[in-house]
N, C-alpha and C. Protein backbone atom coordinates (compact mmCIF):
# COMPACT_ATOMS: atom_id res chain seq x y z
N MET A 1 1.16 -26.63 13.53
CA MET A 1 0.54 -25.32 13.52
C MET A 1 1.63 -24.27 13.26
N HIS A 2 1.30 -23.27 12.50
CA HIS A 2 2.22 -22.19 12.17
C HIS A 2 2.60 -21.43 13.45
N PRO A 3 3.89 -21.08 13.62
CA PRO A 3 4.31 -20.35 14.82
C PRO A 3 3.54 -19.05 15.03
N LEU A 4 3.19 -18.34 13.96
CA LEU A 4 2.43 -17.10 14.11
C LEU A 4 1.02 -17.37 14.64
N LYS A 5 0.43 -18.47 14.25
CA LYS A 5 -0.89 -18.85 14.76
C LYS A 5 -0.81 -19.02 16.28
N ASN A 6 0.27 -19.65 16.77
CA ASN A 6 0.45 -19.82 18.21
C ASN A 6 0.57 -18.47 18.92
N ILE A 7 1.29 -17.54 18.32
CA ILE A 7 1.44 -16.20 18.92
C ILE A 7 0.10 -15.49 18.97
N PHE A 8 -0.64 -15.52 17.87
CA PHE A 8 -1.96 -14.89 17.86
C PHE A 8 -2.89 -15.54 18.88
N ASN A 9 -2.84 -16.86 19.00
CA ASN A 9 -3.67 -17.53 20.01
C ASN A 9 -3.35 -17.02 21.40
N LYS A 10 -2.07 -16.86 21.70
CA LYS A 10 -1.66 -16.36 23.01
C LYS A 10 -2.19 -14.94 23.23
N ILE A 11 -2.03 -14.08 22.23
CA ILE A 11 -2.46 -12.69 22.36
C ILE A 11 -3.97 -12.60 22.59
N PHE A 12 -4.74 -13.41 21.88
CA PHE A 12 -6.19 -13.28 21.95
C PHE A 12 -6.88 -14.16 22.99
N TRP A 13 -6.24 -15.25 23.41
CA TRP A 13 -6.94 -16.18 24.31
C TRP A 13 -6.36 -16.23 25.71
N ASP A 14 -5.13 -15.78 25.89
CA ASP A 14 -4.53 -15.77 27.23
C ASP A 14 -5.10 -14.57 27.98
N LYS A 15 -5.78 -14.80 29.07
CA LYS A 15 -6.45 -13.72 29.82
C LYS A 15 -5.46 -12.69 30.39
N ARG A 16 -4.19 -13.05 30.48
CA ARG A 16 -3.17 -12.11 30.97
C ARG A 16 -2.74 -11.12 29.90
N GLU A 17 -3.11 -11.36 28.66
CA GLU A 17 -2.68 -10.52 27.54
C GLU A 17 -3.81 -9.58 27.10
N ASN A 18 -3.41 -8.45 26.55
CA ASN A 18 -4.36 -7.47 26.01
C ASN A 18 -3.95 -7.18 24.57
N PRO A 19 -4.79 -7.49 23.58
CA PRO A 19 -4.42 -7.27 22.18
C PRO A 19 -4.02 -5.82 21.88
N ARG A 20 -4.53 -4.86 22.66
CA ARG A 20 -4.15 -3.46 22.43
C ARG A 20 -2.68 -3.19 22.74
N ASP A 21 -2.05 -4.10 23.45
CA ASP A 21 -0.62 -3.93 23.80
C ASP A 21 0.31 -4.38 22.68
N TYR A 22 -0.24 -4.97 21.62
CA TYR A 22 0.59 -5.56 20.56
C TYR A 22 0.39 -4.86 19.23
N SER A 23 1.49 -4.78 18.48
CA SER A 23 1.40 -4.27 17.11
C SER A 23 1.85 -5.37 16.15
N VAL A 24 1.27 -5.33 14.96
CA VAL A 24 1.62 -6.26 13.89
C VAL A 24 2.07 -5.41 12.71
N THR A 25 3.29 -5.64 12.24
CA THR A 25 3.84 -4.91 11.10
C THR A 25 3.93 -5.88 9.92
N PHE A 26 3.47 -5.42 8.76
CA PHE A 26 3.44 -6.32 7.60
C PHE A 26 3.64 -5.53 6.31
N ILE A 27 3.95 -6.26 5.26
CA ILE A 27 4.11 -5.67 3.93
C ILE A 27 2.72 -5.33 3.41
N HIS A 28 2.55 -4.06 3.00
CA HIS A 28 1.26 -3.59 2.50
C HIS A 28 1.54 -2.65 1.33
N ARG A 29 1.43 -3.16 0.13
CA ARG A 29 1.72 -2.36 -1.05
C ARG A 29 0.82 -1.13 -1.11
N GLY A 30 1.43 0.02 -1.36
CA GLY A 30 0.68 1.27 -1.42
C GLY A 30 0.82 2.10 -0.16
N ALA A 31 1.19 1.46 0.94
CA ALA A 31 1.45 2.20 2.19
C ALA A 31 2.83 2.84 2.08
N PRO A 32 3.11 3.87 2.85
CA PRO A 32 4.45 4.48 2.82
C PRO A 32 5.52 3.42 3.10
N GLY A 33 6.46 3.29 2.19
CA GLY A 33 7.51 2.28 2.32
C GLY A 33 7.02 0.86 2.16
N ASP A 34 5.79 0.69 1.70
CA ASP A 34 5.15 -0.62 1.53
C ASP A 34 5.06 -1.40 2.84
N ILE A 35 5.05 -0.70 3.97
CA ILE A 35 4.96 -1.33 5.28
C ILE A 35 3.84 -0.67 6.08
N LYS A 36 3.05 -1.50 6.76
CA LYS A 36 1.96 -0.98 7.59
C LYS A 36 2.04 -1.62 8.97
N ARG A 37 1.72 -0.83 9.99
CA ARG A 37 1.68 -1.32 11.38
C ARG A 37 0.28 -1.08 11.92
N ILE A 38 -0.31 -2.12 12.50
CA ILE A 38 -1.63 -2.01 13.10
C ILE A 38 -1.59 -2.54 14.53
N SER A 39 -2.58 -2.17 15.30
CA SER A 39 -2.76 -2.74 16.63
C SER A 39 -3.39 -4.12 16.46
N ALA A 40 -2.94 -5.06 17.25
CA ALA A 40 -3.54 -6.40 17.18
C ALA A 40 -5.02 -6.36 17.54
N SER A 41 -5.45 -5.32 18.24
CA SER A 41 -6.86 -5.22 18.61
C SER A 41 -7.77 -5.01 17.39
N SER A 42 -7.20 -4.61 16.26
CA SER A 42 -8.02 -4.43 15.05
C SER A 42 -8.16 -5.73 14.24
N ILE A 43 -7.49 -6.78 14.69
CA ILE A 43 -7.60 -8.07 14.00
C ILE A 43 -8.96 -8.69 14.32
N GLU A 44 -9.65 -9.08 13.26
CA GLU A 44 -11.00 -9.63 13.40
C GLU A 44 -11.01 -11.15 13.43
N LYS A 45 -10.13 -11.77 12.64
CA LYS A 45 -10.13 -13.23 12.53
C LYS A 45 -8.73 -13.71 12.17
N VAL A 46 -8.36 -14.87 12.71
CA VAL A 46 -7.07 -15.49 12.39
C VAL A 46 -7.34 -16.87 11.82
N GLY A 47 -6.83 -17.10 10.61
CA GLY A 47 -6.97 -18.40 9.97
C GLY A 47 -5.70 -19.22 10.15
N ALA A 48 -5.60 -20.31 9.42
CA ALA A 48 -4.43 -21.19 9.52
C ALA A 48 -3.16 -20.52 9.02
N SER A 49 -3.28 -19.62 8.04
CA SER A 49 -2.09 -18.98 7.47
C SER A 49 -2.34 -17.51 7.11
N TRP A 50 -3.31 -16.88 7.76
CA TRP A 50 -3.66 -15.49 7.44
C TRP A 50 -4.40 -14.87 8.62
N PHE A 51 -4.55 -13.55 8.55
CA PHE A 51 -5.43 -12.86 9.49
C PHE A 51 -6.17 -11.78 8.72
N SER A 52 -7.30 -11.35 9.25
CA SER A 52 -8.04 -10.25 8.65
C SER A 52 -8.18 -9.16 9.70
N TYR A 53 -8.21 -7.91 9.22
CA TYR A 53 -8.33 -6.79 10.14
C TYR A 53 -9.26 -5.73 9.56
N ALA A 54 -9.85 -4.96 10.46
CA ALA A 54 -10.71 -3.85 10.06
C ALA A 54 -9.82 -2.68 9.68
N SER A 55 -10.12 -2.05 8.56
CA SER A 55 -9.26 -0.98 8.07
C SER A 55 -9.85 0.41 8.24
N GLY A 56 -10.94 0.52 8.96
CA GLY A 56 -11.59 1.82 9.10
C GLY A 56 -12.70 1.99 8.08
N CYS A 57 -12.61 1.30 6.97
CA CYS A 57 -13.69 1.29 5.99
C CYS A 57 -14.64 0.16 6.41
N ASP A 58 -15.60 -0.12 5.59
CA ASP A 58 -16.52 -1.20 5.90
C ASP A 58 -16.04 -2.53 5.32
N GLU A 59 -14.74 -2.66 5.10
CA GLU A 59 -14.23 -3.90 4.55
C GLU A 59 -13.08 -4.42 5.38
N SER A 60 -12.86 -5.72 5.30
CA SER A 60 -11.75 -6.36 5.98
C SER A 60 -10.63 -6.58 4.98
N ASN A 61 -9.42 -6.58 5.47
CA ASN A 61 -8.26 -6.90 4.65
C ASN A 61 -7.69 -8.21 5.13
N ILE A 62 -7.37 -9.08 4.20
CA ILE A 62 -6.79 -10.38 4.54
C ILE A 62 -5.30 -10.33 4.25
N ILE A 63 -4.51 -10.66 5.27
CA ILE A 63 -3.05 -10.61 5.17
C ILE A 63 -2.50 -12.01 5.41
N PRO A 64 -1.82 -12.59 4.42
CA PRO A 64 -1.19 -13.90 4.64
C PRO A 64 0.00 -13.77 5.60
N PHE A 65 0.24 -14.81 6.37
CA PHE A 65 1.33 -14.78 7.34
C PHE A 65 2.68 -14.47 6.72
N HIS A 66 2.93 -14.88 5.47
CA HIS A 66 4.25 -14.65 4.89
C HIS A 66 4.55 -13.16 4.68
N ARG A 67 3.53 -12.29 4.80
CA ARG A 67 3.76 -10.84 4.68
C ARG A 67 4.01 -10.16 6.03
N ILE A 68 3.88 -10.91 7.12
CA ILE A 68 4.13 -10.32 8.44
C ILE A 68 5.63 -10.15 8.64
N ILE A 69 6.01 -8.96 9.05
CA ILE A 69 7.41 -8.63 9.32
C ILE A 69 7.72 -8.79 10.80
N GLU A 70 6.79 -8.32 11.65
CA GLU A 70 7.09 -8.32 13.08
C GLU A 70 5.81 -8.27 13.90
N ILE A 71 5.86 -8.92 15.08
CA ILE A 71 4.84 -8.76 16.11
C ILE A 71 5.57 -8.32 17.36
N ARG A 72 5.10 -7.20 17.95
CA ARG A 72 5.80 -6.59 19.08
C ARG A 72 4.84 -6.22 20.19
N ASN A 73 5.29 -6.44 21.42
CA ASN A 73 4.56 -5.93 22.58
C ASN A 73 4.98 -4.48 22.74
N MET A 74 4.05 -3.56 22.56
CA MET A 74 4.39 -2.14 22.58
C MET A 74 4.67 -1.62 23.99
N LYS A 75 4.17 -2.28 25.01
CA LYS A 75 4.45 -1.85 26.38
C LYS A 75 5.87 -2.20 26.78
N SER A 76 6.26 -3.45 26.55
CA SER A 76 7.58 -3.92 26.96
C SER A 76 8.64 -3.75 25.87
N LYS A 77 8.19 -3.45 24.64
CA LYS A 77 9.07 -3.35 23.47
C LYS A 77 9.64 -4.71 23.05
N GLU A 78 9.14 -5.79 23.64
CA GLU A 78 9.61 -7.13 23.30
C GLU A 78 9.10 -7.52 21.92
N VAL A 79 10.00 -8.06 21.09
CA VAL A 79 9.62 -8.59 19.78
C VAL A 79 9.28 -10.06 19.97
N LEU A 80 8.02 -10.40 19.70
CA LEU A 80 7.59 -11.80 19.84
C LEU A 80 7.98 -12.61 18.61
N TRP A 81 7.98 -11.95 17.46
CA TRP A 81 8.33 -12.63 16.21
C TRP A 81 8.82 -11.61 15.20
N ARG A 82 9.86 -11.98 14.46
CA ARG A 82 10.36 -11.14 13.37
C ARG A 82 10.75 -12.04 12.22
N SER A 83 10.36 -11.65 11.02
CA SER A 83 10.69 -12.40 9.82
C SER A 83 12.20 -12.42 9.62
N ARG A 84 12.74 -13.57 9.34
CA ARG A 84 14.19 -13.69 9.11
C ARG A 84 14.64 -12.86 7.91
N LYS A 85 13.81 -12.78 6.88
CA LYS A 85 14.21 -12.05 5.67
C LYS A 85 14.12 -10.54 5.86
N MET A 86 13.49 -10.08 6.93
CA MET A 86 13.31 -8.66 7.16
C MET A 86 14.01 -8.19 8.45
N GLN A 87 15.04 -8.88 8.89
CA GLN A 87 15.68 -8.59 10.18
C GLN A 87 16.07 -7.14 10.36
N THR A 88 16.48 -6.44 9.32
CA THR A 88 16.98 -5.07 9.48
C THR A 88 15.97 -4.02 9.00
N THR A 89 14.81 -4.42 8.54
CA THR A 89 13.84 -3.47 7.97
C THR A 89 13.13 -2.65 9.03
N VAL A 90 12.72 -3.28 10.12
CA VAL A 90 11.90 -2.61 11.13
C VAL A 90 12.76 -2.30 12.34
N SER A 91 12.61 -1.07 12.86
CA SER A 91 13.34 -0.75 14.09
C SER A 91 12.38 -0.45 15.20
C-alpha cells in the first residue's frame, strides 16, 4: 500500500484524528506558484494512488499522489509526509 494511503487512512478512520486539523499541499497548475493547499476535510474520496476533493464548484478534482508535496497537522505543525523532490519548496 502506498505510504500516503496509510496516512489518509489514519486521518479519516482513526477516531482520535480530525481531518480539519490537517492540510494537504500539492502541485496545481494555474494556482499561484502552481501550488495549492486544502484542508483534508474537503477530501471526498481516496483511491489507491489519488484523492478527490470538493473545490467549491459542483465538481470534484482528482489529484494523483505524485503531485502531493506535503501533509501537515496544522495544530501541532507536524509534517506527516513531505515529497523528497520538494523538500525546500514548502515552509
